[in-house]
PDB file of N, CA and C in Angstrom:
ATOM      1  N   UNK A   1     -16.950   1.387  32.533  1.00  0.00           N
ATOM      2  CA  UNK A   1     -16.951   1.489  33.985  1.00  0.00           C
ATOM      3  C   UNK A   1     -15.779   2.360  34.424  1.00  0.00           C
ATOM      4  N   UNK A   2     -15.989   3.189  35.401  1.00  0.00           N
ATOM      5  CA  UNK A   2     -14.943   4.087  35.872  1.00  0.00           C
ATOM      6  C   UNK A   2     -13.912   3.330  36.696  1.00  0.00           C
ATOM      7  N   UNK A   3     -12.759   3.984  36.893  1.00  0.00           N
ATOM      8  CA  UNK A   3     -11.699   3.397  37.712  1.00  0.00           C
ATOM      9  C   UNK A   3     -12.217   3.094  39.113  1.00  0.00           C
ATOM     10  N   UNK A   4     -12.929   4.030  39.713  1.00  0.00           N
ATOM     11  CA  UNK A   4     -13.471   3.825  41.046  1.00  0.00           C
ATOM     12  C   UNK A   4     -14.487   2.701  41.041  1.00  0.00           C
ATOM     13  N   UNK A   5     -15.296   2.618  39.965  1.00  0.00           N
ATOM     14  CA  UNK A   5     -16.280   1.547  39.857  1.00  0.00           C
ATOM     15  C   UNK A   5     -15.639   0.181  39.829  1.00  0.00           C
ATOM     16  N   UNK A   6     -14.570   0.023  39.070  1.00  0.00           N
ATOM     17  CA  UNK A   6     -13.862  -1.256  39.024  1.00  0.00           C
ATOM     18  C   UNK A   6     -13.243  -1.563  40.373  1.00  0.00           C
ATOM     19  N   UNK A   7     -12.656  -0.570  41.013  1.00  0.00           N
ATOM     20  CA  UNK A   7     -12.038  -0.785  42.328  1.00  0.00           C
ATOM     21  C   UNK A   7     -13.080  -1.283  43.327  1.00  0.00           C
ATOM     22  N   UNK A   8     -14.253  -0.665  43.349  1.00  0.00           N
ATOM     23  CA  UNK A   8     -15.306  -1.096  44.266  1.00  0.00           C
ATOM     24  C   UNK A   8     -15.809  -2.482  43.914  1.00  0.00           C
ATOM     25  N   UNK A   9     -15.998  -2.734  42.620  1.00  0.00           N
ATOM     26  CA  UNK A   9     -16.473  -4.038  42.168  1.00  0.00           C
ATOM     27  C   UNK A   9     -15.535  -5.144  42.624  1.00  0.00           C
ATOM     28  N   UNK A  10     -14.244  -4.904  42.500  1.00  0.00           N
ATOM     29  CA  UNK A  10     -13.257  -5.922  42.841  1.00  0.00           C
ATOM     30  C   UNK A  10     -12.892  -5.917  44.320  1.00  0.00           C
ATOM     31  N   UNK A  11     -13.271  -4.892  45.042  1.00  0.00           N
ATOM     32  CA  UNK A  11     -12.999  -4.834  46.476  1.00  0.00           C
ATOM     33  C   UNK A  11     -11.521  -4.811  46.821  1.00  0.00           C
ATOM     34  N   UNK A  12     -10.728  -4.085  46.064  1.00  0.00           N
ATOM     35  CA  UNK A  12      -9.290  -4.064  46.306  1.00  0.00           C
ATOM     36  C   UNK A  12      -8.908  -2.978  47.295  1.00  0.00           C
ATOM     37  N   UNK A  13      -7.805  -3.229  47.958  1.00  0.00           N
ATOM     38  CA  UNK A  13      -7.193  -2.240  48.839  1.00  0.00           C
ATOM     39  C   UNK A  13      -6.042  -1.611  48.063  1.00  0.00           C
ATOM     40  N   UNK A  14      -5.981  -0.277  48.071  1.00  0.00           N
ATOM     41  CA  UNK A  14      -4.900   0.420  47.373  1.00  0.00           C
ATOM     42  C   UNK A  14      -4.237   1.404  48.313  1.00  0.00           C
ATOM     43  N   UNK A  15      -2.936   1.482  48.225  1.00  0.00           N
ATOM     44  CA  UNK A  15      -2.184   2.493  48.954  1.00  0.00           C
ATOM     45  C   UNK A  15      -1.967   3.688  48.038  1.00  0.00           C
ATOM     46  N   UNK A  16      -1.678   4.824  48.632  1.00  0.00           N
ATOM     47  CA  UNK A  16      -1.341   6.018  47.849  1.00  0.00           C
ATOM     48  C   UNK A  16       0.172   6.205  47.905  1.00  0.00           C
ATOM     49  N   UNK A  17       0.755   6.471  46.742  1.00  0.00           N
ATOM     50  CA  UNK A  17       2.199   6.652  46.650  1.00  0.00           C
ATOM     51  C   UNK A  17       2.519   7.995  46.026  1.00  0.00           C
ATOM     52  N   UNK A  18       3.593   8.565  46.486  1.00  0.00           N
ATOM     53  CA  UNK A  18       4.160   9.738  45.834  1.00  0.00           C
ATOM     54  C   UNK A  18       5.414   9.260  45.113  1.00  0.00           C
ATOM     55  N   UNK A  19       5.763   9.934  44.042  1.00  0.00           N
ATOM     56  CA  UNK A  19       6.989   9.621  43.318  1.00  0.00           C
ATOM     57  C   UNK A  19       7.032   8.141  42.900  1.00  0.00           C
ATOM     58  N   UNK A  20       6.158   7.780  42.004  1.00  0.00           N
ATOM     59  CA  UNK A  20       6.045   6.382  41.555  1.00  0.00           C
ATOM     60  C   UNK A  20       7.019   6.004  40.449  1.00  0.00           C
ATOM     61  N   UNK A  21       7.727   6.969  39.893  1.00  0.00           N
ATOM     62  CA  UNK A  21       8.629   6.697  38.776  1.00  0.00           C
ATOM     63  C   UNK A  21       9.661   5.641  39.148  1.00  0.00           C
ATOM     64  N   UNK A  22       9.821   4.676  38.293  1.00  0.00           N
ATOM     65  CA  UNK A  22      10.813   3.598  38.445  1.00  0.00           C
ATOM     66  C   UNK A  22      10.571   2.723  39.673  1.00  0.00           C
ATOM     67  N   UNK A  23       9.339   2.661  40.148  1.00  0.00           N
ATOM     68  CA  UNK A  23       9.021   1.840  41.325  1.00  0.00           C
ATOM     69  C   UNK A  23       7.949   0.796  41.020  1.00  0.00           C
ATOM     70  N   UNK A  24       7.748   0.440  39.751  1.00  0.00           N
ATOM     71  CA  UNK A  24       6.653  -0.452  39.399  1.00  0.00           C
ATOM     72  C   UNK A  24       6.768  -1.818  40.075  1.00  0.00           C
ATOM     73  N   UNK A  25       7.980  -2.354  40.209  1.00  0.00           N
ATOM     74  CA  UNK A  25       8.142  -3.670  40.832  1.00  0.00           C
ATOM     75  C   UNK A  25       7.755  -3.613  42.310  1.00  0.00           C
ATOM     76  N   UNK A  26       8.211  -2.604  42.986  1.00  0.00           N
ATOM     77  CA  UNK A  26       7.885  -2.450  44.407  1.00  0.00           C
ATOM     78  C   UNK A  26       6.383  -2.217  44.618  1.00  0.00           C
ATOM     79  N   UNK A  27       5.814  -1.268  43.892  1.00  0.00           N
ATOM     80  CA  UNK A  27       4.417  -0.917  44.101  1.00  0.00           C
ATOM     81  C   UNK A  27       3.492  -2.065  43.702  1.00  0.00           C
ATOM     82  N   UNK A  28       3.833  -2.780  42.647  1.00  0.00           N
ATOM     83  CA  UNK A  28       3.038  -3.937  42.235  1.00  0.00           C
ATOM     84  C   UNK A  28       3.116  -5.044  43.283  1.00  0.00           C
ATOM     85  N   UNK A  29       4.314  -5.280  43.837  1.00  0.00           N
ATOM     86  CA  UNK A  29       4.451  -6.264  44.911  1.00  0.00           C
ATOM     87  C   UNK A  29       3.584  -5.873  46.107  1.00  0.00           C
ATOM     88  N   UNK A  30       3.648  -4.631  46.500  1.00  0.00           N
ATOM     89  CA  UNK A  30       2.866  -4.164  47.656  1.00  0.00           C
ATOM     90  C   UNK A  30       1.364  -4.289  47.400  1.00  0.00           C
ATOM     91  N   UNK A  31       0.919  -4.001  46.180  1.00  0.00           N
ATOM     92  CA  UNK A  31      -0.497  -4.173  45.844  1.00  0.00           C
ATOM     93  C   UNK A  31      -0.908  -5.635  46.011  1.00  0.00           C
ATOM     94  N   UNK A  32      -0.101  -6.545  45.494  1.00  0.00           N
ATOM     95  CA  UNK A  32      -0.422  -7.968  45.598  1.00  0.00           C
ATOM     96  C   UNK A  32      -0.347  -8.434  47.057  1.00  0.00           C
ATOM     97  N   UNK A  33       0.543  -7.856  47.847  1.00  0.00           N
ATOM     98  CA  UNK A  33       0.594  -8.229  49.264  1.00  0.00           C
ATOM     99  C   UNK A  33      -0.685  -7.791  49.986  1.00  0.00           C
ATOM    100  N   UNK A  34      -1.291  -6.694  49.550  1.00  0.00           N
ATOM    101  CA  UNK A  34      -2.551  -6.220  50.138  1.00  0.00           C
ATOM    102  C   UNK A  34      -3.767  -6.921  49.551  1.00  0.00           C
ATOM    103  N   UNK A  35      -3.611  -7.517  48.380  1.00  0.00           N
ATOM    104  CA  UNK A  35      -4.710  -8.172  47.649  1.00  0.00           C
ATOM    105  C   UNK A  35      -4.202  -9.514  47.145  1.00  0.00           C
ATOM    106  N   UNK A  36      -4.089 -10.476  48.037  1.00  0.00           N
ATOM    107  CA  UNK A  36      -3.370 -11.709  47.736  1.00  0.00           C
ATOM    108  C   UNK A  36      -4.071 -12.644  46.760  1.00  0.00           C
ATOM    109  N   UNK A  37      -5.278 -12.307  46.341  1.00  0.00           N
ATOM    110  CA  UNK A  37      -5.935 -13.096  45.302  1.00  0.00           C
ATOM    111  C   UNK A  37      -5.567 -12.601  43.900  1.00  0.00           C
ATOM    112  N   UNK A  38      -4.758 -11.560  43.830  1.00  0.00           N
ATOM    113  CA  UNK A  38      -4.227 -11.065  42.564  1.00  0.00           C
ATOM    114  C   UNK A  38      -2.875 -11.715  42.300  1.00  0.00           C
ATOM    115  N   UNK A  39      -2.468 -11.740  41.043  1.00  0.00           N
ATOM    116  CA  UNK A  39      -1.199 -12.327  40.624  1.00  0.00           C
ATOM    117  C   UNK A  39      -0.252 -11.216  40.190  1.00  0.00           C
ATOM    118  N   UNK A  40       0.981 -11.283  40.649  1.00  0.00           N
ATOM    119  CA  UNK A  40       2.016 -10.325  40.271  1.00  0.00           C
ATOM    120  C   UNK A  40       2.601 -10.749  38.930  1.00  0.00           C
ATOM    121  N   UNK A  41       2.664  -9.825  38.002  1.00  0.00           N
ATOM    122  CA  UNK A  41       3.186 -10.100  36.668  1.00  0.00           C
ATOM    123  C   UNK A  41       4.423  -9.247  36.429  1.00  0.00           C
ATOM    124  N   UNK A  42       5.487  -9.873  35.948  1.00  0.00           N
ATOM    125  CA  UNK A  42       6.658  -9.161  35.439  1.00  0.00           C
ATOM    126  C   UNK A  42       6.657  -9.400  33.944  1.00  0.00           C
ATOM    127  N   UNK A  43       6.766  -8.319  33.193  1.00  0.00           N
ATOM    128  CA  UNK A  43       6.692  -8.464  31.748  1.00  0.00           C
ATOM    129  C   UNK A  43       7.285  -7.284  31.013  1.00  0.00           C
ATOM    130  N   UNK A  44       6.903  -7.190  29.751  1.00  0.00           N
ATOM    131  CA  UNK A  44       7.417  -6.150  28.859  1.00  0.00           C
ATOM    132  C   UNK A  44       6.244  -5.465  28.181  1.00  0.00           C
ATOM    133  N   UNK A  45       6.328  -4.146  28.109  1.00  0.00           N
ATOM    134  CA  UNK A  45       5.328  -3.343  27.408  1.00  0.00           C
ATOM    135  C   UNK A  45       5.999  -2.605  26.258  1.00  0.00           C
ATOM    136  N   UNK A  46       5.196  -2.278  25.269  1.00  0.00           N
ATOM    137  CA  UNK A  46       5.625  -1.394  24.190  1.00  0.00           C
ATOM    138  C   UNK A  46       4.890  -0.079  24.417  1.00  0.00           C
ATOM    139  N   UNK A  47       5.594   0.906  24.955  1.00  0.00           N
ATOM    140  CA  UNK A  47       4.965   2.186  25.274  1.00  0.00           C
ATOM    141  C   UNK A  47       5.459   3.318  24.371  1.00  0.00           C
ATOM    142  N   UNK A  48       6.205   2.979  23.333  1.00  0.00           N
ATOM    143  CA  UNK A  48       6.784   4.003  22.449  1.00  0.00           C
ATOM    144  C   UNK A  48       5.704   4.856  21.792  1.00  0.00           C
ATOM    145  N   UNK A  49       4.670   4.233  21.257  1.00  0.00           N
ATOM    146  CA  UNK A  49       3.625   4.988  20.568  1.00  0.00           C
ATOM    147  C   UNK A  49       2.826   5.840  21.542  1.00  0.00           C
ATOM    148  N   UNK A  50       2.544   5.308  22.716  1.00  0.00           N
ATOM    149  CA  UNK A  50       1.789   6.054  23.722  1.00  0.00           C
ATOM    150  C   UNK A  50       2.542   7.308  24.131  1.00  0.00           C
ATOM    151  N   UNK A  51       3.861   7.190  24.254  1.00  0.00           N
ATOM    152  CA  UNK A  51       4.691   8.330  24.661  1.00  0.00           C
ATOM    153  C   UNK A  51       5.220   9.142  23.492  1.00  0.00           C
ATOM    154  N   UNK A  52       4.925   8.671  22.277  1.00  0.00           N
ATOM    155  CA  UNK A  52       5.447   9.304  21.061  1.00  0.00           C
ATOM    156  C   UNK A  52       6.977   9.386  21.111  1.00  0.00           C
ATOM    157  N   UNK A  53       7.588   8.259  21.438  1.00  0.00           N
ATOM    158  CA  UNK A  53       9.050   8.161  21.515  1.00  0.00           C
ATOM    159  C   UNK A  53       9.529   7.163  20.470  1.00  0.00           C
ATOM    160  N   UNK A  54      10.736   7.343  20.005  1.00  0.00           N
ATOM    161  CA  UNK A  54      11.296   6.470  18.975  1.00  0.00           C
ATOM    162  C   UNK A  54      12.360   5.518  19.515  1.00  0.00           C
ATOM    163  N   UNK A  55      12.870   5.774  20.695  1.00  0.00           N
ATOM    164  CA  UNK A  55      13.955   4.964  21.235  1.00  0.00           C
ATOM    165  C   UNK A  55      13.494   3.521  21.477  1.00  0.00           C
ATOM    166  N   UNK A  56      14.369   2.587  21.163  1.00  0.00           N
ATOM    167  CA  UNK A  56      14.059   1.167  21.289  1.00  0.00           C
ATOM    168  C   UNK A  56      13.717   0.768  22.723  1.00  0.00           C
ATOM    169  N   UNK A  57      14.300   1.445  23.703  1.00  0.00           N
ATOM    170  CA  UNK A  57      14.035   1.094  25.106  1.00  0.00           C
ATOM    171  C   UNK A  57      12.548   1.202  25.442  1.00  0.00           C
ATOM    172  N   UNK A  58      11.796   2.009  24.705  1.00  0.00           N
ATOM    173  CA  UNK A  58      10.372   2.151  24.951  1.00  0.00           C
ATOM    174  C   UNK A  58       9.546   1.080  24.243  1.00  0.00           C
ATOM    175  N   UNK A  59      10.191   0.348  23.337  1.00  0.00           N
ATOM    176  CA  UNK A  59       9.521  -0.793  22.689  1.00  0.00           C
ATOM    177  C   UNK A  59       9.641  -2.050  23.545  1.00  0.00           C
ATOM    178  N   UNK A  60      10.631  -2.110  24.380  1.00  0.00           N
ATOM    179  CA  UNK A  60      10.877  -3.254  25.264  1.00  0.00           C
ATOM    180  C   UNK A  60      11.005  -2.746  26.698  1.00  0.00           C
ATOM    181  N   UNK A  61       9.930  -2.182  27.212  1.00  0.00           N
ATOM    182  CA  UNK A  61       9.930  -1.537  28.518  1.00  0.00           C
ATOM    183  C   UNK A  61       9.572  -2.554  29.595  1.00  0.00           C
ATOM    184  N   UNK A  62      10.519  -2.886  30.445  1.00  0.00           N
ATOM    185  CA  UNK A  62      10.279  -3.854  31.520  1.00  0.00           C
ATOM    186  C   UNK A  62       9.392  -3.218  32.577  1.00  0.00           C
ATOM    187  N   UNK A  63       8.373  -3.964  32.999  1.00  0.00           N
ATOM    188  CA  UNK A  63       7.357  -3.394  33.873  1.00  0.00           C
ATOM    189  C   UNK A  63       6.727  -4.489  34.727  1.00  0.00           C
ATOM    190  N   UNK A  64       6.048  -4.083  35.793  1.00  0.00           N
ATOM    191  CA  UNK A  64       5.316  -5.014  36.651  1.00  0.00           C
ATOM    192  C   UNK A  64       3.890  -4.498  36.825  1.00  0.00           C
ATOM    193  N   UNK A  65       2.947  -5.444  36.915  1.00  0.00           N
ATOM    194  CA  UNK A  65       1.550  -5.104  37.138  1.00  0.00           C
ATOM    195  C   UNK A  65       0.885  -6.285  37.833  1.00  0.00           C
ATOM    196  N   UNK A  66      -0.407  -6.166  38.107  1.00  0.00           N
ATOM    197  CA  UNK A  66      -1.159  -7.229  38.784  1.00  0.00           C
ATOM    198  C   UNK A  66      -2.352  -7.620  37.930  1.00  0.00           C
ATOM    199  N   UNK A  67      -2.704  -8.911  37.987  1.00  0.00           N
ATOM    200  CA  UNK A  67      -3.843  -9.406  37.216  1.00  0.00           C
ATOM    201  C   UNK A  67      -4.737 -10.273  38.093  1.00  0.00           C
ATOM    202  N   UNK A  68      -6.021 -10.212  37.778  1.00  0.00           N
ATOM    203  CA  UNK A  68      -7.013 -11.098  38.392  1.00  0.00           C
ATOM    204  C   UNK A  68      -8.157 -11.244  37.401  1.00  0.00           C
ATOM    205  N   UNK A  69      -8.463 -12.479  37.053  1.00  0.00           N
ATOM    206  CA  UNK A  69      -9.528 -12.759  36.097  1.00  0.00           C
ATOM    207  C   UNK A  69      -9.306 -11.933  34.828  1.00  0.00           C
ATOM    208  N   UNK A  70     -10.274 -11.125  34.417  1.00  0.00           N
ATOM    209  CA  UNK A  70     -10.129 -10.344  33.182  1.00  0.00           C
ATOM    210  C   UNK A  70      -9.620  -8.940  33.438  1.00  0.00           C
ATOM    211  N   UNK A  71      -9.113  -8.678  34.653  1.00  0.00           N
ATOM    212  CA  UNK A  71      -8.670  -7.332  35.021  1.00  0.00           C
ATOM    213  C   UNK A  71      -7.160  -7.235  35.176  1.00  0.00           C
ATOM    214  N   UNK A  72      -6.660  -6.042  34.903  1.00  0.00           N
ATOM    215  CA  UNK A  72      -5.268  -5.678  35.146  1.00  0.00           C
ATOM    216  C   UNK A  72      -5.286  -4.414  35.977  1.00  0.00           C
ATOM    217  N   UNK A  73      -4.416  -4.366  36.967  1.00  0.00           N
ATOM    218  CA  UNK A  73      -4.193  -3.117  37.683  1.00  0.00           C
ATOM    219  C   UNK A  73      -2.730  -2.775  37.556  1.00  0.00           C
ATOM    220  N   UNK A  74      -2.465  -1.574  37.073  1.00  0.00           N
ATOM    221  CA  UNK A  74      -1.101  -1.070  36.962  1.00  0.00           C
ATOM    222  C   UNK A  74      -0.899  -0.108  38.133  1.00  0.00           C
ATOM    223  N   UNK A  75      -0.378  -0.609  39.257  1.00  0.00           N
ATOM    224  CA  UNK A  75      -0.251   0.228  40.451  1.00  0.00           C
ATOM    225  C   UNK A  75       0.678   1.418  40.279  1.00  0.00           C
ATOM    226  N   UNK A  76       1.687   1.295  39.458  1.00  0.00           N
ATOM    227  CA  UNK A  76       2.615   2.412  39.266  1.00  0.00           C
ATOM    228  C   UNK A  76       1.924   3.597  38.589  1.00  0.00           C
ATOM    229  N   UNK A  77       0.886   3.306  37.799  1.00  0.00           N
ATOM    230  CA  UNK A  77       0.128   4.364  37.137  1.00  0.00           C
ATOM    231  C   UNK A  77      -1.270   4.520  37.735  1.00  0.00           C
ATOM    232  N   UNK A  78      -1.563   3.704  38.755  1.00  0.00           N
ATOM    233  CA  UNK A  78      -2.823   3.785  39.491  1.00  0.00           C
ATOM    234  C   UNK A  78      -4.033   3.686  38.561  1.00  0.00           C
ATOM    235  N   UNK A  79      -4.028   2.634  37.704  1.00  0.00           N
ATOM    236  CA  UNK A  79      -5.084   2.538  36.719  1.00  0.00           C
ATOM    237  C   UNK A  79      -5.511   1.081  36.513  1.00  0.00           C
ATOM    238  N   UNK A  80      -6.833   0.856  36.459  1.00  0.00           N
ATOM    239  CA  UNK A  80      -7.398  -0.457  36.146  1.00  0.00           C
ATOM    240  C   UNK A  80      -7.685  -0.537  34.655  1.00  0.00           C
ATOM    241  N   UNK A  81      -7.513  -1.734  34.101  1.00  0.00           N
ATOM    242  CA  UNK A  81      -7.821  -2.006  32.698  1.00  0.00           C
ATOM    243  C   UNK A  81      -8.536  -3.341  32.618  1.00  0.00           C
ATOM    244  N   UNK A  82      -9.262  -3.548  31.538  1.00  0.00           N
ATOM    245  CA  UNK A  82      -9.635  -4.902  31.178  1.00  0.00           C
ATOM    246  C   UNK A  82      -8.392  -5.511  30.548  1.00  0.00           C
ATOM    247  N   UNK A  83      -8.120  -6.763  30.857  1.00  0.00           N
ATOM    248  CA  UNK A  83      -6.881  -7.407  30.407  1.00  0.00           C
ATOM    249  C   UNK A  83      -6.712  -7.304  28.894  1.00  0.00           C
ATOM    250  N   UNK A  84      -7.767  -7.540  28.142  1.00  0.00           N
ATOM    251  CA  UNK A  84      -7.658  -7.485  26.671  1.00  0.00           C
ATOM    252  C   UNK A  84      -7.279  -6.086  26.191  1.00  0.00           C
ATOM    253  N   UNK A  85      -7.793  -5.053  26.858  1.00  0.00           N
ATOM    254  CA  UNK A  85      -7.462  -3.682  26.471  1.00  0.00           C
ATOM    255  C   UNK A  85      -6.019  -3.329  26.832  1.00  0.00           C
ATOM    256  N   UNK A  86      -5.563  -3.794  27.971  1.00  0.00           N
ATOM    257  CA  UNK A  86      -4.183  -3.557  28.415  1.00  0.00           C
ATOM    258  C   UNK A  86      -3.207  -4.199  27.434  1.00  0.00           C
ATOM    259  N   UNK A  87      -3.483  -5.465  27.082  1.00  0.00           N
ATOM    260  CA  UNK A  87      -2.597  -6.165  26.153  1.00  0.00           C
ATOM    261  C   UNK A  87      -2.579  -5.498  24.783  1.00  0.00           C
ATOM    262  N   UNK A  88      -3.732  -5.043  24.341  1.00  0.00           N
ATOM    263  CA  UNK A  88      -3.817  -4.397  23.032  1.00  0.00           C
ATOM    264  C   UNK A  88      -3.129  -3.029  23.046  1.00  0.00           C
ATOM    265  N   UNK A  89      -3.361  -2.232  24.071  1.00  0.00           N
ATOM    266  CA  UNK A  89      -2.819  -0.867  24.127  1.00  0.00           C
ATOM    267  C   UNK A  89      -1.303  -0.852  24.248  1.00  0.00           C
ATOM    268  N   UNK A  90      -0.747  -1.808  24.987  1.00  0.00           N
ATOM    269  CA  UNK A  90       0.689  -1.779  25.285  1.00  0.00           C
ATOM    270  C   UNK A  90       1.449  -2.988  24.746  1.00  0.00           C
ATOM    271  N   UNK A  91       0.784  -3.831  23.946  1.00  0.00           N
ATOM    272  CA  UNK A  91       1.406  -5.049  23.443  1.00  0.00           C
ATOM    273  C   UNK A  91       2.095  -5.785  24.599  1.00  0.00           C
ATOM    274  N   UNK A  92       1.367  -5.902  25.702  1.00  0.00           N
ATOM    275  CA  UNK A  92       1.920  -6.478  26.942  1.00  0.00           C
ATOM    276  C   UNK A  92       2.263  -7.946  26.765  1.00  0.00           C
ATOM    277  N   UNK A  93       3.453  -8.287  27.208  1.00  0.00           N
ATOM    278  CA  UNK A  93       3.918  -9.674  27.162  1.00  0.00           C
ATOM    279  C   UNK A  93       4.391 -10.075  28.549  1.00  0.00           C
ATOM    280  N   UNK A  94       3.754 -11.100  29.091  1.00  0.00           N
ATOM    281  CA  UNK A  94       4.137 -11.606  30.392  1.00  0.00           C
ATOM    282  C   UNK A  94       5.438 -12.395  30.270  1.00  0.00           C
ATOM    283  N   UNK A  95       6.362 -12.161  31.191  1.00  0.00           N
ATOM    284  CA  UNK A  95       7.572 -12.975  31.280  1.00  0.00           C
ATOM    285  C   UNK A  95       7.386 -14.016  32.371  1.00  0.00           C
ATOM    286  N   UNK A  96       6.989 -13.560  33.557  1.00  0.00           N
ATOM    287  CA  UNK A  96       6.731 -14.476  34.666  1.00  0.00           C
ATOM    288  C   UNK A  96       5.555 -13.982  35.485  1.00  0.00           C
ATOM    289  N   UNK A  97       4.948 -14.900  36.204  1.00  0.00           N
ATOM    290  CA  UNK A  97       3.834 -14.579  37.091  1.00  0.00           C
ATOM    291  C   UNK A  97       4.107 -15.215  38.446  1.00  0.00           C
ATOM    292  N   UNK A  98       3.701 -14.521  39.495  1.00  0.00           N
ATOM    293  CA  UNK A  98       3.974 -14.974  40.850  1.00  0.00           C
ATOM    294  C   UNK A  98       2.740 -14.812  41.726  1.00  0.00           C
ATOM    295  N   UNK A  99       2.475 -15.831  42.520  1.00  0.00           N
ATOM    296  CA  UNK A  99       1.498 -15.655  43.587  1.00  0.00           C
ATOM    297  C   UNK A  99       2.168 -14.803  44.659  1.00  0.00           C
ATOM    298  N   UNK A 100       1.402 -14.331  45.618  1.00  0.00           N
ATOM    299  CA  UNK A 100       1.997 -13.548  46.694  1.00  0.00           C
ATOM    300  C   UNK A 100       3.038 -14.380  47.446  1.00  0.00           C
ATOM    301  N   UNK A 101       2.749 -15.643  47.710  1.00  0.00           N
ATOM    302  CA  UNK A 101       3.717 -16.480  48.447  1.00  0.00           C
ATOM    303  C   UNK A 101       5.008 -16.677  47.665  1.00  0.00           C
ATOM    304  N   UNK A 102       4.901 -16.906  46.373  1.00  0.00           N
ATOM    305  CA  UNK A 102       6.103 -17.054  45.547  1.00  0.00           C
ATOM    306  C   UNK A 102       6.918 -15.764  45.531  1.00  0.00           C
ATOM    307  N   UNK A 103       6.247 -14.650  45.341  1.00  0.00           N
ATOM    308  CA  UNK A 103       6.940 -13.357  45.289  1.00  0.00           C
ATOM    309  C   UNK A 103       7.584 -13.034  46.630  1.00  0.00           C
ATOM    310  N   UNK A 104       6.895 -13.327  47.711  1.00  0.00           N
ATOM    311  CA  UNK A 104       7.456 -13.069  49.047  1.00  0.00           C
ATOM    312  C   UNK A 104       8.728 -13.875  49.273  1.00  0.00           C
ATOM    313  N   UNK A 105       8.701 -15.135  48.870  1.00  0.00           N
ATOM    314  CA  UNK A 105       9.889 -15.973  49.005  1.00  0.00           C
ATOM    315  C   UNK A 105      11.060 -15.435  48.214  1.00  0.00           C
ATOM    316  N   UNK A 106      10.807 -14.974  46.999  1.00  0.00           N
ATOM    317  CA  UNK A 106      11.881 -14.413  46.175  1.00  0.00           C
ATOM    318  C   UNK A 106      12.397 -13.099  46.753  1.00  0.00           C
ATOM    319  N   UNK A 107      11.500 -12.281  47.247  1.00  0.00           N
ATOM    320  CA  UNK A 107      11.914 -11.016  47.858  1.00  0.00           C
ATOM    321  C   UNK A 107      12.844 -11.279  49.043  1.00  0.00           C
ATOM    322  N   UNK A 108      12.460 -12.213  49.887  1.00  0.00           N
ATOM    323  CA  UNK A 108      13.257 -12.496  51.087  1.00  0.00           C
ATOM    324  C   UNK A 108      14.566 -13.222  50.773  1.00  0.00           C
ATOM    325  N   UNK A 109      14.610 -13.897  49.629  1.00  0.00           N
ATOM    326  CA  UNK A 109      15.821 -14.659  49.293  1.00  0.00           C
ATOM    327  C   UNK A 109      16.902 -13.810  48.624  1.00  0.00           C
ATOM    328  N   UNK A 110      16.574 -12.596  48.222  1.00  0.00           N
ATOM    329  CA  UNK A 110      17.580 -11.747  47.590  1.00  0.00           C
ATOM    330  C   UNK A 110      18.440 -11.080  48.654  1.00  0.00           C
ATOM    331  N   UNK A 111      19.707 -10.905  48.352  1.00  0.00           N
ATOM    332  CA  UNK A 111      20.643 -10.349  49.332  1.00  0.00           C
ATOM    333  C   UNK A 111      20.259  -8.943  49.783  1.00  0.00           C
ATOM    334  N   UNK A 112      19.815  -8.132  48.838  1.00  0.00           N
ATOM    335  CA  UNK A 112      19.475  -6.753  49.181  1.00  0.00           C
ATOM    336  C   UNK A 112      17.962  -6.543  49.268  1.00  0.00           C
ATOM    337  N   UNK A 113      17.201  -7.618  49.334  1.00  0.00           N
ATOM    338  CA  UNK A 113      15.744  -7.573  49.415  1.00  0.00           C
ATOM    339  C   UNK A 113      15.162  -6.618  48.384  1.00  0.00           C
ATOM    340  N   UNK A 114      15.324  -6.930  47.106  1.00  0.00           N
ATOM    341  CA  UNK A 114      14.758  -6.075  46.068  1.00  0.00           C
ATOM    342  C   UNK A 114      13.470  -6.706  45.522  1.00  0.00           C
ATOM    343  N   UNK A 115      12.635  -5.869  44.909  1.00  0.00           N
ATOM    344  CA  UNK A 115      11.300  -6.249  44.490  1.00  0.00           C
ATOM    345  C   UNK A 115      11.243  -6.829  43.081  1.00  0.00           C
ATOM    346  N   UNK A 116      12.375  -6.963  42.446  1.00  0.00           N
ATOM    347  CA  UNK A 116      12.398  -7.548  41.134  1.00  0.00           C
ATOM    348  C   UNK A 116      12.981  -6.584  40.114  1.00  0.00           C
ATOM    349  N   UNK A 117      13.153  -7.062  38.934  1.00  0.00           N
ATOM    350  CA  UNK A 117      12.732  -8.378  38.452  1.00  0.00           C
ATOM    351  C   UNK A 117      13.654  -9.481  38.961  1.00  0.00           C
ATOM    352  N   UNK A 118      13.085 -10.639  39.163  1.00  0.00           N
ATOM    353  CA  UNK A 118      13.851 -11.784  39.663  1.00  0.00           C
ATOM    354  C   UNK A 118      14.181 -12.781  38.560  1.00  0.00           C
ATOM    355  N   UNK A 119      13.620 -12.606  37.385  1.00  0.00           N
ATOM    356  CA  UNK A 119      13.815 -13.577  36.295  1.00  0.00           C
ATOM    357  C   UNK A 119      15.079 -13.314  35.484  1.00  0.00           C
ATOM    358  N   UNK A 120      15.796 -12.248  35.754  1.00  0.00           N
ATOM    359  CA  UNK A 120      16.988 -11.929  34.956  1.00  0.00           C
ATOM    360  C   UNK A 120      18.230 -12.500  35.571  1.00  0.00           C
TER     361      UNK A 120
END
């Protein structure tokens, strides 16, 4: 199924962003705020092989994405995946998960109102 096909099937609202680099926590939060039946995930990916990089920082890459049922949406890369494929491709490991209400409370409770990660 195409990216557009999954988006239509799931009926999600997506914003368009420019300059998404290093904004995964913010963009993922905003996606979940627009689609509150999705869950915000903070976790770690192994993207070294995908990027053909050897540095350890790419083996433990902190990232945020959204999940619902068997789907994953990575808003920073504007791409839908089946959850099993996402986990397999990036060795994705969830650290914490937040409903929109939980994430909103954490966002508002931080002194500088940052989008995460809040588990560190």
